[in-house]
Amino acid sequence: MNEERPVYLRLRDRIAAMILDGRVREGDALPSVRSLAADFGANPLTVAKAYQTFQEEGLVVVKRGVGMFVADGAAERLRSAERKEFLDQRWPEIAAHMRRLDLDVEDMVERALA
């Protein structure tokens, strides 16, 4: 996780990972703001801001008085957005680093699958 990013975006990444890893599935309630703040050692307002980004993107559904729930299709939309961000932003730097180190792609894939 990039420590230069604002805390609420790092929290957002962790929540997104919970959804992508299937720890929180579509239709499931997200942990309460207070609960997640305690788990992550964060300010509840920061957690609320991270949750707000999901709400703005339509990845969560708010049921007043009940909580926030992962929207249908959220995991696939998150996966697609993260794939694009990885390929557009991170991969060029990784590929350049691999070239500088003369790393073989096939060897890297073999190591990843081992």
Protein backbone atom coordinates (compact mmCIF):
# COMPACT_ATOMS: atom_id res chain seq x y z
CA MET A 1 0.00 0.00 0.00
CA ASN A 2 1.35 3.42 -0.95
CA GLU A 3 1.95 5.34 2.29
CA GLU A 4 1.93 8.64 0.37
CA ARG A 5 -1.78 8.29 -0.40
CA PRO A 6 -4.32 9.87 1.97
CA VAL A 7 -5.46 7.60 4.81
CA TYR A 8 -9.05 7.42 3.55
CA LEU A 9 -7.83 6.10 0.17
CA ARG A 10 -5.64 3.50 1.87
CA LEU A 11 -8.69 2.45 3.91
CA ARG A 12 -10.70 2.33 0.71
CA ASP A 13 -8.09 -0.04 -0.75
CA ARG A 14 -8.41 -2.32 2.28
CA ILE A 15 -12.21 -2.33 2.06
CA ALA A 16 -12.01 -3.01 -1.69
CA ALA A 17 -9.70 -5.94 -0.94
CA MET A 18 -12.29 -7.30 1.52
CA ILE A 19 -14.87 -7.25 -1.28
CA LEU A 20 -12.52 -8.65 -3.96
CA ASP A 21 -11.28 -11.41 -1.63
CA GLY A 22 -14.89 -12.40 -0.89
CA ARG A 23 -14.68 -11.62 2.83
CA VAL A 24 -17.63 -9.29 2.24
CA ARG A 25 -19.90 -10.46 -0.58
CA GLU A 26 -22.47 -8.66 -2.68
CA GLY A 27 -25.57 -8.09 -0.58
CA ASP A 28 -23.62 -8.36 2.68
CA ALA A 29 -23.56 -5.54 5.19
CA LEU A 30 -20.28 -3.69 5.52
CA PRO A 31 -18.95 -3.36 9.06
CA SER A 32 -20.17 -0.25 10.85
CA VAL A 33 -18.03 2.86 10.65
CA ARG A 34 -17.17 2.58 14.35
CA SER A 35 -16.34 -1.11 14.08
CA LEU A 36 -14.07 -0.65 11.09
CA ALA A 37 -12.43 2.39 12.69
CA ALA A 38 -11.61 0.27 15.74
CA ASP A 39 -10.32 -2.61 13.57
CA PHE A 40 -8.07 -0.37 11.51
CA GLY A 41 -7.13 2.05 14.29
CA ALA A 42 -8.55 4.94 12.29
CA ASN A 43 -10.70 7.95 12.98
CA PRO A 44 -14.41 7.17 12.32
CA LEU A 45 -14.65 10.27 10.09
CA THR A 46 -11.86 8.88 7.93
CA VAL A 47 -13.67 5.55 7.60
CA ALA A 48 -16.89 7.41 6.75
CA LYS A 49 -15.02 9.29 4.00
CA ALA A 50 -13.70 5.99 2.59
CA TYR A 51 -17.23 4.55 2.65
CA GLN A 52 -18.53 7.68 0.94
CA THR A 53 -16.29 6.99 -2.07
CA PHE A 54 -17.97 3.58 -2.47
CA GLN A 55 -21.38 5.19 -2.16
CA GLU A 56 -20.54 7.82 -4.80
CA GLU A 57 -19.38 5.06 -7.16
CA GLY A 58 -22.57 3.05 -6.61
CA LEU A 59 -20.64 0.15 -5.08
CA VAL A 60 -22.63 0.20 -1.86
CA VAL A 61 -26.29 0.66 -1.07
CA VAL A 62 -27.28 2.61 2.04
CA LYS A 63 -30.32 1.43 3.96
CA ARG A 64 -31.14 4.18 6.43
CA GLY A 65 -31.08 2.95 10.00
CA VAL A 66 -29.75 -0.44 8.91
CA GLY A 67 -26.33 0.13 7.35
CA MET A 68 -24.35 -0.08 4.13
CA PHE A 69 -24.53 -3.12 1.90
CA VAL A 70 -22.31 -4.20 -0.98
CA ALA A 71 -24.20 -3.51 -4.23
CA ASP A 72 -24.85 -6.14 -6.86
CA GLY A 73 -22.00 -6.17 -9.39
CA ALA A 74 -19.66 -4.27 -7.05
CA ALA A 75 -16.94 -6.93 -7.04
CA GLU A 76 -16.72 -7.12 -10.82
CA ARG A 77 -16.76 -3.33 -11.21
CA LEU A 78 -14.02 -3.02 -8.57
CA ARG A 79 -11.98 -5.76 -10.24
CA SER A 80 -12.32 -4.07 -13.63
CA ALA A 81 -11.34 -0.64 -12.26
CA GLU A 82 -8.38 -2.03 -10.31
CA ARG A 83 -7.21 -4.02 -13.34
CA LYS A 84 -7.28 -0.85 -15.47
CA GLU A 85 -5.47 1.17 -12.79
CA PHE A 86 -2.82 -1.56 -12.44
CA LEU A 87 -2.22 -1.84 -16.19
CA ASP A 88 -2.26 1.92 -16.82
CA GLN A 89 -0.43 3.16 -13.72
CA ARG A 90 1.60 0.45 -12.00
CA TRP A 91 2.52 -2.04 -14.73
CA PRO A 92 4.64 0.32 -16.86
CA GLU A 93 6.87 1.03 -13.85
CA ILE A 94 7.06 -2.68 -12.93
CA ALA A 95 7.85 -3.65 -16.54
CA ALA A 96 10.60 -1.02 -16.74
CA HIS A 97 12.07 -2.26 -13.46
CA MET A 98 12.01 -5.85 -14.77
CA ARG A 99 13.87 -4.75 -17.91
CA ARG A 100 16.50 -2.92 -15.84
CA LEU A 101 17.04 -6.08 -13.77
CA ASP A 102 16.96 -8.31 -16.86
CA LEU A 103 14.17 -10.43 -15.37
CA ASP A 104 12.51 -13.01 -17.58
CA VAL A 105 8.69 -12.87 -17.67
CA GLU A 106 8.31 -16.64 -17.96
CA ASP A 107 10.55 -17.14 -14.91
CA MET A 108 8.50 -14.60 -12.96
CA VAL A 109 5.24 -16.37 -13.88
CA GLU A 110 6.72 -19.73 -12.93
CA ARG A 111 7.81 -18.34 -9.55
CA ALA A 112 4.36 -16.82 -8.96
CA LEU A 113 2.64 -20.15 -9.67
CA ALA A 114 5.06 -22.22 -7.54
